[in-house]
Amino acid sequence: MAETTPVQRNRLTVVETIYHWLRDGQPIFVQQGWNRLLDSDEDGYKRRVVVKQEWQQLDLGWLKSKPLSAVYLANEREQQAVNPSPEEQAAIEAKVVEVGFAESGIHAAFQIRPGESMRACPIDADRLYLRSRAGIARINILAIPE
């Protein structure tokens, strides 16, 4: 039986696949996986936060003002009735979260639809802001230190 050696440094591993399904053909897809050793021994920061319609700075907890290897944001899809009305479905789909960058004001740069996510490696995470386009949304944040 082979022995496993403990990891000597923290590591970030990403495995992702993106498919574009064409209605009359085979899907187009991209697969990528990679890992990288990290310099920091700090724990990652994981939280579930409420996002309102006003811009609010991205909550990074104890990692505020530190270099980050990755920030992962997932917009939760609200629980819905078995057969939501068109109005209920529209209200759920409207809870898009915008990710903005602060420089002479806050400018929306990305959107995260309900049930979807994004991953980024920000140069200056302290300048990232969030807001919901409609009502209150809930975002799961995972920040990984460099």
C-alpha atoms as a PDB file:
ATOM      1  CA  MET A   1       0.000   0.000   0.000  1.00  0.00           C
ATOM      2  CA  ALA A   2       1.408   3.368  -1.039  1.00  0.00           C
ATOM      3  CA  GLU A   3       1.857   5.967   1.637  1.00  0.00           C
ATOM      4  CA  THR A   4       0.536   9.452   1.111  1.00  0.00           C
ATOM      5  CA  THR A   5       2.636  12.371   2.203  1.00  0.00           C
ATOM      6  CA  PRO A   6       0.965  15.370   3.787  1.00  0.00           C
ATOM      7  CA  VAL A   7       0.724  18.552   1.743  1.00  0.00           C
ATOM      8  CA  GLN A   8       3.574  20.823   2.785  1.00  0.00           C
ATOM      9  CA  ARG A   9       1.815  24.026   1.683  1.00  0.00           C
ATOM     10  CA  ASN A  10      -1.741  25.138   1.116  1.00  0.00           C
ATOM     11  CA  ARG A  11      -2.922  24.532  -2.429  1.00  0.00           C
ATOM     12  CA  LEU A  12      -5.672  25.870  -4.678  1.00  0.00           C
ATOM     13  CA  THR A  13      -7.200  23.381  -7.126  1.00  0.00           C
ATOM     14  CA  VAL A  14      -9.740  24.321  -9.811  1.00  0.00           C
ATOM     15  CA  VAL A  15     -11.596  21.901 -12.070  1.00  0.00           C
ATOM     16  CA  GLU A  16     -14.192  23.340 -14.412  1.00  0.00           C
ATOM     17  CA  THR A  17     -16.126  22.446 -17.519  1.00  0.00           C
ATOM     18  CA  ILE A  18     -18.235  24.833 -19.562  1.00  0.00           C
ATOM     19  CA  TYR A  19     -20.679  23.507 -22.157  1.00  0.00           C
ATOM     20  CA  HIS A  20     -22.520  25.438 -24.859  1.00  0.00           C
ATOM     21  CA  TRP A  21     -25.349  23.148 -25.971  1.00  0.00           C
ATOM     22  CA  LEU A  22     -26.436  23.720 -29.546  1.00  0.00           C
ATOM     23  CA  ARG A  23     -30.048  22.806 -30.309  1.00  0.00           C
ATOM     24  CA  ASP A  24     -29.187  20.914 -33.471  1.00  0.00           C
ATOM     25  CA  GLY A  25     -25.730  19.504 -32.829  1.00  0.00           C
ATOM     26  CA  GLN A  26     -23.035  18.456 -30.432  1.00  0.00           C
ATOM     27  CA  PRO A  27     -22.087  20.698 -27.533  1.00  0.00           C
ATOM     28  CA  ILE A  28     -19.040  22.897 -27.650  1.00  0.00           C
ATOM     29  CA  PHE A  29     -17.121  22.671 -24.417  1.00  0.00           C
ATOM     30  CA  VAL A  30     -13.986  23.742 -22.619  1.00  0.00           C
ATOM     31  CA  GLN A  31     -12.440  21.739 -19.802  1.00  0.00           C
ATOM     32  CA  GLN A  32      -9.639  22.965 -17.646  1.00  0.00           C
ATOM     33  CA  GLY A  33      -8.065  21.928 -14.395  1.00  0.00           C
ATOM     34  CA  TRP A  34      -5.081  23.267 -12.560  1.00  0.00           C
ATOM     35  CA  ASN A  35      -3.597  23.669  -9.119  1.00  0.00           C
ATOM     36  CA  ARG A  36      -1.177  26.068  -7.523  1.00  0.00           C
ATOM     37  CA  LEU A  37       0.724  26.116  -4.251  1.00  0.00           C
ATOM     38  CA  LEU A  38      -0.114  29.093  -2.039  1.00  0.00           C
ATOM     39  CA  ASP A  39       2.244  31.244  -0.008  1.00  0.00           C
ATOM     40  CA  SER A  40      -0.219  31.809   2.854  1.00  0.00           C
ATOM     41  CA  ASP A  41      -1.038  29.436   5.686  1.00  0.00           C
ATOM     42  CA  GLU A  42      -4.226  31.405   6.467  1.00  0.00           C
ATOM     43  CA  ASP A  43      -7.644  29.823   6.242  1.00  0.00           C
ATOM     44  CA  GLY A  44      -9.975  30.777   3.444  1.00  0.00           C
ATOM     45  CA  TYR A  45     -12.976  32.973   4.189  1.00  0.00           C
ATOM     46  CA  LYS A  46     -16.403  31.473   3.522  1.00  0.00           C
ATOM     47  CA  ARG A  47     -19.647  33.318   4.215  1.00  0.00           C
ATOM     48  CA  ARG A  48     -23.238  33.636   3.061  1.00  0.00           C
ATOM     49  CA  VAL A  49     -24.228  37.297   2.799  1.00  0.00           C
ATOM     50  CA  VAL A  50     -27.351  39.267   1.969  1.00  0.00           C
ATOM     51  CA  VAL A  51     -27.016  41.623  -1.005  1.00  0.00           C
ATOM     52  CA  LYS A  52     -29.383  44.600  -1.265  1.00  0.00           C
ATOM     53  CA  GLN A  53     -30.029  47.035  -4.096  1.00  0.00           C
ATOM     54  CA  GLU A  54     -27.455  49.562  -2.855  1.00  0.00           C
ATOM     55  CA  TRP A  55     -23.771  48.982  -3.584  1.00  0.00           C
ATOM     56  CA  GLN A  56     -21.972  47.324  -0.661  1.00  0.00           C
ATOM     57  CA  GLN A  57     -18.309  46.465  -0.377  1.00  0.00           C
ATOM     58  CA  LEU A  58     -17.506  42.776  -0.834  1.00  0.00           C
ATOM     59  CA  ASP A  59     -17.173  41.266   2.651  1.00  0.00           C
ATOM     60  CA  LEU A  60     -13.781  39.537   2.892  1.00  0.00           C
ATOM     61  CA  GLY A  61     -13.598  39.192   6.678  1.00  0.00           C
ATOM     62  CA  TRP A  62     -10.080  38.686   8.000  1.00  0.00           C
ATOM     63  CA  LEU A  63      -8.708  38.628   4.429  1.00  0.00           C
ATOM     64  CA  LYS A  64      -9.562  42.304   3.829  1.00  0.00           C
ATOM     65  CA  SER A  65      -6.619  44.174   2.272  1.00  0.00           C
ATOM     66  CA  LYS A  66      -4.659  40.956   1.655  1.00  0.00           C
ATOM     67  CA  PRO A  67      -3.606  39.459  -1.680  1.00  0.00           C
ATOM     68  CA  LEU A  68      -6.088  36.818  -2.866  1.00  0.00           C
ATOM     69  CA  SER A  69      -5.610  33.812  -5.127  1.00  0.00           C
ATOM     70  CA  ALA A  70      -9.304  33.547  -5.880  1.00  0.00           C
ATOM     71  CA  VAL A  71     -12.722  34.904  -5.006  1.00  0.00           C
ATOM     72  CA  TYR A  72     -15.688  32.662  -5.773  1.00  0.00           C
ATOM     73  CA  LEU A  73     -19.201  34.156  -5.706  1.00  0.00           C
ATOM     74  CA  ALA A  74     -22.358  32.056  -6.052  1.00  0.00           C
ATOM     75  CA  ASN A  75     -25.824  33.635  -6.319  1.00  0.00           C
ATOM     76  CA  GLU A  76     -28.328  31.375  -4.556  1.00  0.00           C
ATOM     77  CA  ARG A  77     -31.499  30.492  -6.414  1.00  0.00           C
ATOM     78  CA  GLU A  78     -34.508  31.251  -4.240  1.00  0.00           C
ATOM     79  CA  GLN A  79     -36.746  28.318  -3.326  1.00  0.00           C
ATOM     80  CA  GLN A  80     -39.882  28.441  -5.405  1.00  0.00           C
ATOM     81  CA  ALA A  81     -43.285  26.871  -5.597  1.00  0.00           C
ATOM     82  CA  VAL A  82     -43.594  23.672  -7.616  1.00  0.00           C
ATOM     83  CA  ASN A  83     -45.370  25.576 -10.389  1.00  0.00           C
ATOM     84  CA  PRO A  84     -44.544  29.257  -9.941  1.00  0.00           C
ATOM     85  CA  SER A  85     -46.694  31.787 -11.711  1.00  0.00           C
ATOM     86  CA  PRO A  86     -45.019  33.802 -14.476  1.00  0.00           C
ATOM     87  CA  GLU A  87     -44.823  36.754 -12.055  1.00  0.00           C
ATOM     88  CA  GLU A  88     -43.177  34.632  -9.343  1.00  0.00           C
ATOM     89  CA  GLN A  89     -40.694  33.211 -11.847  1.00  0.00           C
ATOM     90  CA  ALA A  90     -39.860  36.701 -13.155  1.00  0.00           C
ATOM     91  CA  ALA A  91     -39.247  37.931  -9.573  1.00  0.00           C
ATOM     92  CA  ILE A  92     -36.852  35.021  -8.937  1.00  0.00           C
ATOM     93  CA  GLU A  93     -34.957  35.570 -12.197  1.00  0.00           C
ATOM     94  CA  ALA A  94     -34.672  39.333 -11.531  1.00  0.00           C
ATOM     95  CA  LYS A  95     -32.383  38.808  -8.495  1.00  0.00           C
ATOM     96  CA  VAL A  96     -29.244  39.232 -10.559  1.00  0.00           C
ATOM     97  CA  VAL A  97     -26.227  40.338  -8.520  1.00  0.00           C
ATOM     98  CA  GLU A  98     -23.896  42.862 -10.097  1.00  0.00           C
ATOM     99  CA  VAL A  99     -20.206  42.930  -9.237  1.00  0.00           C
ATOM    100  CA  GLY A 100     -18.722  46.397  -9.504  1.00  0.00           C
ATOM    101  CA  PHE A 101     -15.303  47.958  -9.319  1.00  0.00           C
ATOM    102  CA  ALA A 102     -14.726  51.221  -7.457  1.00  0.00           C
ATOM    103  CA  GLU A 103     -12.701  53.828  -9.314  1.00  0.00           C
ATOM    104  CA  SER A 104     -14.145  57.347  -9.428  1.00  0.00           C
ATOM    105  CA  GLY A 105     -17.488  55.839  -8.477  1.00  0.00           C
ATOM    106  CA  ILE A 106     -18.650  52.231  -8.713  1.00  0.00           C
ATOM    107  CA  HIS A 107     -19.025  50.692 -12.141  1.00  0.00           C
ATOM    108  CA  ALA A 108     -20.803  47.370 -12.726  1.00  0.00           C
ATOM    109  CA  ALA A 109     -18.455  44.946 -14.480  1.00  0.00           C
ATOM    110  CA  PHE A 110     -20.033  41.489 -14.088  1.00  0.00           C
ATOM    111  CA  GLN A 111     -23.415  39.945 -13.394  1.00  0.00           C
ATOM    112  CA  ILE A 112     -24.274  36.712 -11.604  1.00  0.00           C
ATOM    113  CA  ARG A 113     -27.706  35.300 -12.395  1.00  0.00           C
ATOM    114  CA  PRO A 114     -29.667  33.336  -9.771  1.00  0.00           C
ATOM    115  CA  GLY A 115     -28.218  29.836  -9.390  1.00  0.00           C
ATOM    116  CA  GLU A 116     -24.991  30.809 -11.192  1.00  0.00           C
ATOM    117  CA  SER A 117     -21.483  31.695 -10.027  1.00  0.00           C
ATOM    118  CA  MET A 118     -18.233  33.341 -11.009  1.00  0.00           C
ATOM    119  CA  ARG A 119     -14.603  32.992 -10.054  1.00  0.00           C
ATOM    120  CA  ALA A 120     -11.977  35.728 -10.294  1.00  0.00           C
ATOM    121  CA  CYS A 121      -8.474  36.547  -9.150  1.00  0.00           C
ATOM    122  CA  PRO A 122      -8.771  40.218  -8.192  1.00  0.00           C
ATOM    123  CA  ILE A 123      -5.757  42.481  -8.148  1.00  0.00           C
ATOM    124  CA  ASP A 124      -7.397  44.711  -5.526  1.00  0.00           C
ATOM    125  CA  ALA A 125     -10.366  42.937  -3.906  1.00  0.00           C
ATOM    126  CA  ASP A 126     -10.981  45.897  -1.565  1.00  0.00           C
ATOM    127  CA  ARG A 127     -12.380  47.762  -4.582  1.00  0.00           C
ATOM    128  CA  LEU A 128     -15.046  45.137  -5.348  1.00  0.00           C
ATOM    129  CA  TYR A 129     -18.693  45.905  -4.583  1.00  0.00           C
ATOM    130  CA  LEU A 130     -21.973  43.995  -4.911  1.00  0.00           C
ATOM    131  CA  ARG A 131     -25.605  44.966  -5.414  1.00  0.00           C
ATOM    132  CA  SER A 132     -28.833  43.201  -6.320  1.00  0.00           C
ATOM    133  CA  ARG A 133     -30.789  44.475  -9.316  1.00  0.00           C
ATOM    134  CA  ALA A 134     -34.105  43.608  -7.659  1.00  0.00           C
ATOM    135  CA  GLY A 135     -34.982  42.873  -4.048  1.00  0.00           C
ATOM    136  CA  ILE A 136     -32.652  40.959  -1.775  1.00  0.00           C
ATOM    137  CA  ALA A 137     -30.285  38.277  -3.051  1.00  0.00           C
ATOM    138  CA  ARG A 138     -28.040  35.879  -1.148  1.00  0.00           C
ATOM    139  CA  ILE A 139     -24.446  35.265  -2.203  1.00  0.00           C
ATOM    140  CA  ASN A 140     -22.015  32.616  -1.028  1.00  0.00           C
ATOM    141  CA  ILE A 141     -18.464  33.957  -0.872  1.00  0.00           C
ATOM    142  CA  LEU A 142     -15.266  31.937  -0.781  1.00  0.00           C
ATOM    143  CA  ALA A 143     -12.022  33.939  -0.679  1.00  0.00           C
ATOM    144  CA  ILE A 144      -8.696  32.128  -0.825  1.00  0.00           C
ATOM    145  CA  PRO A 145      -5.546  33.930   0.378  1.00  0.00           C
ATOM    146  CA  GLU A 146      -2.463  34.099  -1.834  1.00  0.00           C
END
